[in-house]
Amino acid sequence: MRRLSRKKALSLVKELDAFPKVPDSYVETSTSGGTVSLIAFSAMALLAILEFFVYRDTWMKYEYAVDKDYSSKLRINIDITVAMKCQHVGADILDLAETMITSNGLLYEPAIFDLTPQQRLWQRTLMLIQSRLREEHALQEVLYKTLLKGGPTALPPREGASLEPLNACRIHGHVYVNKVAGNLHITVGKPIHHPQGHAHIAAFVSHDSYNFSHRIDHLSFGEEIPGIINPLDGTEKITLNNNQMFQYFITVVPTKLNTYKISADTHQFSVTERERVINHAAGSHGVSGIFVKYDTSSLMVTVSEQHMPLWQFMVRLCGIVGGIFSTTGMLHGLVGFCFDIVCCRLKLGVYRPREVREEVEPHHQMNNLNNHQTPLLPEDVPQE
């Protein structure tokens, strides 16, 4: 009984076979079929390789949420070189809460404003990348994924000792501020704080020594990540006017970066630049200097690196193989069907020349007459 039930089950499964096998003796191969098969296999291999590269690639996913963290401090990383001596300039930060952060976290280092050929080449390369980033925003994802292979983005140091005078001041370091709007001042004189505000002691600085030509080697917010290029990195402004005022309006967006290489809390920012000459007689009021006005956004962006799952890759691969196999089979059958129709019509004489058909038709008519002649009956035979 068990054997009978087993045989019935096997026969039932055999009847459900959706892939019936054709004996080899009934299979007929052709040159056209082999050619189409070769093309199909080549297309399958090519598309499978391309799909494998797509599977290995990653993309960045952006998620937006409300930033609820207002109690933490915001770190500002600064590296700016001003074409004035260090004893003549001062930097400080004043936020909306009238909280003054002095330049205790910043260092004043005498430097040479002009760059060496190696440094100038670095700056030109950096500015070229900046221009491409403004045109092709998708390149920012490449920087997030590769982080420039961990390459340094800081200005390379000078090689050897230089005999040029130290005519500039490099202001670099980092400070922590409240997560509210604020203003970074770099102007003439050292900053002092008093109950009614703040001021810069500029009485002892000659007006002829004012020169706010500057170069921003690095300016970022949040955790400093090697390889990330910020919008103002490499910016250089040259002026010949002593009363020049430079303004940068920055909107800072908190960003959480999660890639396969790094996970960090940093900040992106967008910037709008403006510069003008201070001329009180013409109605252009203000103070000569460099002013970076920043404001924090209420939205937080989470940038995470995504990868195609293995099951999706397998489904896409099966779709490629099955789709090409079915499509080439249908195209081969359609071409063969059209070819058979054309060959049959040629054999029937539809496409033969008119003269040939005219010569052949009388011959066929005579043959038809001969074939349709009825034989003489025995009664119709004349008697002798």
Protein backbone atom coordinates (compact mmCIF):
# COMPACT_ATOMS: atom_id res chain seq x y z
CA MET A 1 0.00 0.00 0.00
CA ARG A 2 2.80 2.36 0.83
CA ARG A 3 4.48 1.63 -2.49
CA LEU A 4 1.24 2.28 -4.37
CA SER A 5 0.63 5.55 -2.56
CA ARG A 6 4.24 6.54 -3.21
CA LYS A 7 3.87 5.76 -6.91
CA LYS A 8 0.67 7.79 -7.08
CA ALA A 9 2.37 10.72 -5.41
CA LEU A 10 5.30 10.56 -7.82
CA SER A 11 2.97 10.32 -10.80
CA LEU A 12 0.99 13.29 -9.54
CA VAL A 13 4.17 15.33 -9.13
CA LYS A 14 5.26 14.23 -12.59
CA GLU A 15 2.01 15.49 -14.09
CA LEU A 16 2.59 18.89 -12.45
CA ASP A 17 5.95 19.27 -14.21
CA ALA A 18 5.99 22.73 -15.84
CA PHE A 19 9.29 22.02 -17.58
CA PRO A 20 8.71 19.00 -19.81
CA LYS A 21 11.84 17.52 -21.34
CA VAL A 22 12.14 17.07 -25.08
CA PRO A 23 14.14 14.08 -26.28
CA ASP A 24 17.38 14.93 -28.05
CA SER A 25 16.24 13.12 -31.18
CA TYR A 26 13.45 15.68 -31.63
CA VAL A 27 15.69 18.73 -31.09
CA GLU A 28 16.79 20.48 -34.27
CA THR A 29 19.61 23.05 -34.16
CA SER A 30 20.21 25.80 -36.68
CA THR A 31 22.81 28.41 -37.49
CA SER A 32 20.42 31.28 -36.77
CA GLY A 33 19.49 29.79 -33.42
CA GLY A 34 23.16 29.41 -32.48
CA THR A 35 23.86 33.01 -33.47
CA VAL A 36 20.97 34.32 -31.42
CA SER A 37 22.05 32.18 -28.46
CA LEU A 38 25.58 33.56 -28.67
CA ILE A 39 24.26 37.13 -28.70
CA ALA A 40 21.93 36.38 -25.79
CA PHE A 41 24.67 34.83 -23.66
CA SER A 42 26.98 37.76 -24.37
CA ALA A 43 24.28 40.26 -23.37
CA MET A 44 23.55 38.27 -20.20
CA ALA A 45 27.22 38.25 -19.22
CA LEU A 46 27.65 41.97 -19.90
CA LEU A 47 24.54 43.02 -18.00
CA ALA A 48 25.39 40.66 -15.13
CA ILE A 49 28.83 42.26 -14.76
CA LEU A 50 27.34 45.77 -14.84
CA GLU A 51 24.74 44.74 -12.27
CA PHE A 52 27.52 43.42 -10.04
CA PHE A 53 29.22 46.84 -10.13
CA VAL A 54 25.89 48.45 -9.23
CA TYR A 55 25.59 45.99 -6.33
CA ARG A 56 29.03 46.94 -5.05
CA ASP A 57 28.29 50.67 -5.24
CA THR A 58 26.64 52.59 -2.41
CA TRP A 59 24.55 55.73 -2.20
CA MET A 60 23.81 58.33 0.44
CA LYS A 61 20.40 58.52 2.10
CA TYR A 62 19.27 61.84 3.56
CA GLU A 63 16.80 61.98 6.44
CA TYR A 64 15.49 65.17 8.03
CA ALA A 65 14.29 65.72 11.59
CA VAL A 66 13.89 68.54 14.06
CA ASP A 67 17.03 69.28 16.04
CA LYS A 68 16.02 69.04 19.70
CA ASP A 69 19.51 69.46 21.12
CA TYR A 70 19.87 73.09 22.15
CA SER A 71 21.88 72.60 25.31
CA SER A 72 25.09 71.37 23.72
CA LYS A 73 27.87 73.65 22.54
CA LEU A 74 28.78 74.35 18.94
CA ARG A 75 32.42 74.03 17.99
CA ILE A 76 33.88 76.47 15.46
CA ASN A 77 37.18 75.56 13.78
CA ILE A 78 39.05 78.58 12.41
CA ASP A 79 42.19 78.96 10.32
CA ILE A 80 42.33 82.44 8.72
CA THR A 81 45.36 84.42 7.63
CA VAL A 82 44.99 88.23 7.60
CA ALA A 83 47.47 90.53 5.86
CA MET A 84 48.15 92.52 9.04
CA LYS A 85 50.50 92.07 11.94
CA CYS A 86 49.19 90.15 14.94
CA GLN A 87 49.48 93.09 17.33
CA HIS A 88 47.10 95.09 15.12
CA VAL A 89 44.19 92.63 14.79
CA GLY A 90 41.88 90.85 17.18
CA ALA A 91 39.15 88.20 16.93
CA ASP A 92 36.15 87.55 19.14
CA ILE A 93 32.64 86.09 18.93
CA LEU A 94 29.43 87.69 20.15
CA ASP A 95 26.14 85.74 20.11
CA LEU A 96 22.53 86.88 20.40
CA ALA A 97 22.54 86.33 24.13
CA GLU A 98 25.20 89.08 24.35
CA THR A 99 27.64 86.44 25.49
CA MET A 100 31.12 87.35 24.40
CA ILE A 101 33.57 84.57 23.73
CA THR A 102 37.05 86.00 23.65
CA SER A 103 39.83 84.58 21.56
CA ASN A 104 41.19 82.43 24.38
CA GLY A 105 40.91 79.32 22.22
CA LEU A 106 42.52 81.01 19.22
CA LEU A 107 46.22 81.36 18.52
CA TYR A 108 47.85 84.35 16.82
CA GLU A 109 50.84 83.26 14.77
CA PRO A 110 52.95 85.64 12.64
CA ALA A 111 53.09 84.41 9.08
CA ILE A 112 53.85 85.31 5.47
CA PHE A 113 50.77 86.15 3.46
CA ASP A 114 52.18 85.25 0.04
CA LEU A 115 52.12 81.54 -0.78
CA THR A 116 54.94 79.41 -2.09
CA PRO A 117 54.51 77.74 -5.53
CA GLN A 118 53.61 74.47 -3.82
CA GLN A 119 51.02 76.16 -1.60
CA ARG A 120 49.63 78.12 -4.55
CA LEU A 121 49.19 74.87 -6.50
CA TRP A 122 47.35 73.38 -3.53
CA GLN A 123 45.04 76.38 -3.34
CA ARG A 124 44.27 76.30 -7.07
CA THR A 125 43.43 72.61 -6.85
CA LEU A 126 41.18 73.26 -3.87
CA MET A 127 39.39 76.11 -5.64
CA LEU A 128 38.88 73.88 -8.71
CA ILE A 129 37.22 71.28 -6.48
CA GLN A 130 35.10 74.01 -4.91
CA SER A 131 33.88 75.21 -8.32
CA ARG A 132 33.01 71.67 -9.34
CA LEU A 133 31.13 71.16 -6.08
CA ARG A 134 29.02 74.24 -6.79
CA GLU A 135 28.15 72.94 -10.27
CA GLU A 136 27.83 69.23 -9.48
CA HIS A 137 26.19 68.79 -6.08
CA ALA A 138 26.38 65.01 -6.42
CA LEU A 139 30.15 65.21 -5.93
CA GLN A 140 29.52 65.90 -2.25
CA GLU A 141 28.32 62.29 -1.92
CA VAL A 142 31.62 61.12 -3.41
CA LEU A 143 33.47 63.11 -0.75
CA TYR A 144 31.29 61.62 1.97
CA LYS A 145 31.95 58.06 0.79
CA THR A 146 35.65 58.36 0.06
CA LEU A 147 36.61 61.25 2.37
CA LEU A 148 39.31 61.96 -0.23
CA LYS A 149 40.96 58.68 0.82
CA GLY A 150 41.75 60.34 4.14
CA GLY A 151 43.98 62.91 2.41
CA PRO A 152 44.78 66.15 4.25
CA THR A 153 42.91 69.27 3.19
CA ALA A 154 44.97 71.75 5.23
CA LEU A 155 47.44 74.15 3.66
CA PRO A 156 50.83 72.41 3.37
CA PRO A 157 53.58 74.04 5.45
CA ARG A 158 56.40 76.03 3.91
CA GLU A 159 59.53 74.14 2.98
CA GLY A 160 62.67 75.56 4.51
CA ALA A 161 63.29 78.95 6.08
CA SER A 162 62.16 82.10 4.31
CA LEU A 163 63.80 85.51 4.37
CA GLU A 164 60.54 87.33 3.65
CA PRO A 165 59.15 89.52 6.48
CA LEU A 166 56.28 88.22 8.60
CA ASN A 167 53.67 90.66 7.31
CA ALA A 168 50.54 88.66 8.18
CA CYS A 169 48.83 87.01 11.12
CA ARG A 170 47.46 83.48 11.11
CA ILE A 171 44.49 83.12 13.48
CA HIS A 172 43.76 79.45 14.08
CA GLY A 173 42.22 77.18 16.68
CA HIS A 174 38.73 76.33 17.84
CA VAL A 175 36.16 77.79 20.23
CA TYR A 176 32.91 76.51 21.72
CA VAL A 177 29.82 78.73 21.48
CA ASN A 178 26.13 78.44 22.26
CA LYS A 179 23.87 77.02 19.56
CA VAL A 180 22.37 80.39 18.73
CA ALA A 181 23.11 82.97 16.08
CA GLY A 182 26.38 84.82 16.51
CA ASN A 183 29.01 86.95 14.84
CA LEU A 184 32.73 86.34 14.49
CA HIS A 185 34.67 89.62 14.27
CA ILE A 186 38.18 90.02 12.97
CA THR A 187 38.99 93.70 13.00
CA VAL A 188 41.55 96.23 14.12
CA GLY A 189 42.62 96.16 17.78
CA LYS A 190 42.39 93.63 20.56
CA PRO A 191 38.88 92.95 21.91
CA ILE A 192 37.86 94.02 25.39
CA HIS A 193 34.62 93.31 27.21
CA HIS A 194 32.67 95.75 29.36
CA PRO A 195 29.12 95.73 30.81
CA GLN A 196 27.61 97.78 27.98
CA GLY A 197 29.00 95.65 25.18
CA HIS A 198 32.40 95.05 23.70
CA ALA A 199 34.97 97.05 21.79
CA HIS A 200 38.32 96.82 20.05
CA ILE A 201 41.25 99.02 21.03
CA ALA A 202 42.23 100.55 17.69
CA ALA A 203 43.39 103.99 18.77
CA PHE A 204 47.06 103.11 18.57
CA VAL A 205 46.89 101.51 15.12
CA SER A 206 47.67 103.69 12.12
CA HIS A 207 44.93 103.84 9.49
CA ASP A 208 47.50 103.30 6.75
CA SER A 209 48.28 99.84 8.14
CA TYR A 210 44.71 98.63 7.64
CA ASN A 211 44.67 95.74 5.20
CA PHE A 212 41.98 93.11 5.50
CA SER A 213 43.11 91.00 2.58
CA HIS A 214 42.69 87.50 3.93
CA ARG A 215 42.73 83.83 3.10
CA ILE A 216 40.43 81.27 4.74
CA ASP A 217 42.40 78.04 4.85
CA HIS A 218 39.75 76.31 6.92
CA LEU A 219 36.41 77.19 8.50
CA SER A 220 34.05 74.51 9.77
CA PHE A 221 31.51 73.81 12.48
CA GLY A 222 31.29 70.78 14.70
CA GLU A 223 33.69 67.86 14.75
CA GLU A 224 36.57 68.32 12.36
CA ILE A 225 36.67 65.46 9.83
CA PRO A 226 39.75 64.94 7.64
CA GLY A 227 38.97 64.89 3.93
CA ILE A 228 35.78 66.97 4.07
CA ILE A 229 35.94 70.18 2.03
CA ASN A 230 33.91 73.07 3.42
CA PRO A 231 32.44 75.86 1.27
CA LEU A 232 34.92 78.55 2.37
CA ASP A 233 38.10 76.46 2.39
CA GLY A 234 40.71 78.05 0.14
CA THR A 235 38.85 81.38 -0.25
CA GLU A 236 41.19 84.31 -0.80
CA LYS A 237 40.19 87.99 -0.88
CA ILE A 238 42.63 90.71 -1.91
CA THR A 239 41.87 94.41 -1.46
CA LEU A 240 43.85 97.62 -1.96
CA ASN A 241 41.44 99.75 0.05
CA ASN A 242 42.08 100.32 3.74
CA ASN A 243 38.36 100.64 4.52
CA GLN A 244 37.21 97.33 3.07
CA MET A 245 34.55 95.32 4.88
CA PHE A 246 34.04 91.61 4.19
CA GLN A 247 30.88 89.82 5.34
CA TYR A 248 30.00 86.13 5.26
CA PHE A 249 26.42 85.09 6.09
CA ILE A 250 26.35 81.42 7.08
CA THR A 251 23.48 79.03 7.81
CA VAL A 252 24.67 76.03 9.82
CA VAL A 253 22.81 72.70 9.56
CA PRO A 254 23.54 69.97 12.15
CA THR A 255 24.52 66.78 10.34
CA LYS A 256 25.04 63.22 11.49
CA LEU A 257 27.31 61.34 9.12
CA ASN A 258 27.20 57.54 9.12
CA THR A 259 29.31 55.82 6.47
CA TYR A 260 31.23 52.56 6.30
CA LYS A 261 34.41 54.48 7.08
CA ILE A 262 33.37 57.02 9.70
CA SER A 263 30.56 57.99 12.03
CA ALA A 264 30.58 61.57 13.30
CA ASP A 265 28.44 64.52 14.34
CA THR A 266 29.35 67.48 12.18
CA HIS A 267 27.70 70.47 10.57
CA GLN A 268 27.15 71.52 6.98
CA PHE A 269 26.67 75.14 6.06
CA SER A 270 25.80 77.40 3.18
CA VAL A 271 27.32 80.83 2.77
CA THR A 272 26.57 84.15 1.08
CA GLU A 273 29.43 86.59 0.58
CA ARG A 274 29.35 90.37 0.49
CA GLU A 275 32.01 93.06 0.50
CA ARG A 276 31.87 96.83 0.40
CA VAL A 277 33.96 99.92 1.08
CA ILE A 278 33.24 101.88 4.24
CA ASN A 279 32.58 105.49 3.28
CA HIS A 280 30.61 107.49 5.81
CA ALA A 281 30.30 110.45 3.47
CA ALA A 282 28.55 108.27 0.88
CA GLY A 283 26.28 106.64 3.46
CA SER A 284 28.16 103.32 3.63
CA HIS A 285 28.57 102.98 7.38
CA GLY A 286 30.24 100.23 9.33
CA VAL A 287 33.63 99.05 10.54
CA SER A 288 36.45 97.73 8.40
CA GLY A 289 37.18 94.09 9.01
CA ILE A 290 36.05 90.52 8.46
CA PHE A 291 32.66 89.51 9.85
CA VAL A 292 31.30 85.97 9.81
CA LYS A 293 27.62 85.96 10.80
CA TYR A 294 26.28 82.49 11.45
CA ASP A 295 22.88 81.08 12.39
CA THR A 296 21.90 77.52 13.23
CA SER A 297 19.07 75.69 11.49
CA SER A 298 16.28 74.00 13.41
CA LEU A 299 16.50 70.93 11.15
CA MET A 300 18.99 68.12 11.54
CA VAL A 301 20.16 66.03 8.59
CA THR A 302 21.20 62.40 8.93
CA VAL A 303 23.38 61.20 6.07
CA SER A 304 23.78 57.43 5.97
CA GLU A 305 25.49 55.24 3.41
CA GLN A 306 23.18 52.59 1.94
CA HIS A 307 24.00 49.35 0.15
CA MET A 308 21.88 47.11 -2.08
CA PRO A 309 20.85 43.94 -0.18
CA LEU A 310 21.90 40.56 -1.54
CA TRP A 311 18.36 39.33 -2.18
CA GLN A 312 17.60 42.36 -4.34
CA PHE A 313 20.75 41.75 -6.35
CA MET A 314 19.74 38.12 -6.95
CA VAL A 315 16.22 39.15 -8.03
CA ARG A 316 17.59 41.70 -10.48
CA LEU A 317 20.07 39.15 -11.81
CA CYS A 318 17.32 36.58 -12.39
CA GLY A 319 15.24 39.24 -14.12
CA ILE A 320 18.12 40.02 -16.47
CA VAL A 321 18.72 36.38 -17.39
CA GLY A 322 15.05 35.47 -17.76
CA GLY A 323 14.15 38.65 -19.63
CA ILE A 324 16.94 38.31 -22.19
CA PHE A 325 16.21 34.61 -22.67
CA SER A 326 12.49 35.18 -23.28
CA THR A 327 12.98 38.27 -25.45
CA THR A 328 15.59 36.71 -27.71
CA GLY A 329 13.43 33.60 -28.07
CA MET A 330 10.43 35.65 -29.17
CA LEU A 331 12.51 37.78 -31.54
CA HIS A 332 14.10 34.68 -33.06
CA GLY A 333 10.67 33.11 -33.60
CA LEU A 334 9.27 36.32 -35.13
CA VAL A 335 12.20 36.74 -37.50
CA GLY A 336 11.98 33.09 -38.50
CA PHE A 337 8.25 33.40 -39.13
CA CYS A 338 8.71 36.46 -41.35
CA PHE A 339 11.58 34.77 -43.17
CA ASP A 340 9.42 31.68 -43.84
CA ILE A 341 6.61 33.84 -45.23
CA VAL A 342 8.96 35.66 -47.61
CA CYS A 343 10.56 32.40 -48.78
CA CYS A 344 7.18 30.78 -49.36
CA ARG A 345 5.95 33.71 -51.46
CA LEU A 346 9.14 33.59 -53.52
CA LYS A 347 8.63 29.89 -54.11
CA LEU A 348 5.05 30.53 -55.22
CA GLY A 349 6.26 33.04 -57.78
CA VAL A 350 4.73 36.18 -56.34
CA TYR A 351 8.04 38.04 -56.55
CA ARG A 352 9.21 36.64 -59.89
CA PRO A 353 9.73 39.02 -62.84
CA ARG A 354 6.71 39.68 -65.05
CA GLU A 355 8.33 38.35 -68.26
CA VAL A 356 9.18 35.06 -66.62
CA ARG A 357 5.64 34.71 -65.34
CA GLU A 358 4.19 35.45 -68.79
CA GLU A 359 6.38 32.76 -70.34
CA VAL A 360 5.56 30.25 -67.68
CA GLU A 361 1.80 30.83 -67.55
CA PRO A 362 0.99 29.57 -71.19
CA HIS A 363 2.99 26.48 -70.51
CA HIS A 364 1.00 25.88 -67.35
CA GLN A 365 -2.24 26.47 -69.25
CA MET A 366 -1.36 23.87 -71.89
CA ASN A 367 -0.49 21.43 -69.18
CA ASN A 368 -3.77 22.14 -67.49
CA LEU A 369 -5.69 21.56 -70.74
CA ASN A 370 -3.92 18.30 -71.35
CA ASN A 371 -4.51 17.24 -67.82
CA HIS A 372 -8.21 18.09 -67.97
CA GLN A 373 -8.96 16.24 -71.26
CA THR A 374 -11.48 13.53 -70.55
CA PRO A 375 -10.66 10.09 -71.95
CA LEU A 376 -12.80 8.62 -74.68
CA LEU A 377 -15.42 6.27 -73.48
CA PRO A 378 -15.67 2.84 -75.09
CA GLU A 379 -19.10 3.73 -76.53
CA ASP A 380 -17.70 6.81 -78.25
CA VAL A 381 -15.08 4.87 -80.16
CA PRO A 382 -16.15 4.75 -83.85
CA GLN A 383 -17.00 1.32 -85.07
CA GLU A 384 -15.39 -0.02 -88.16
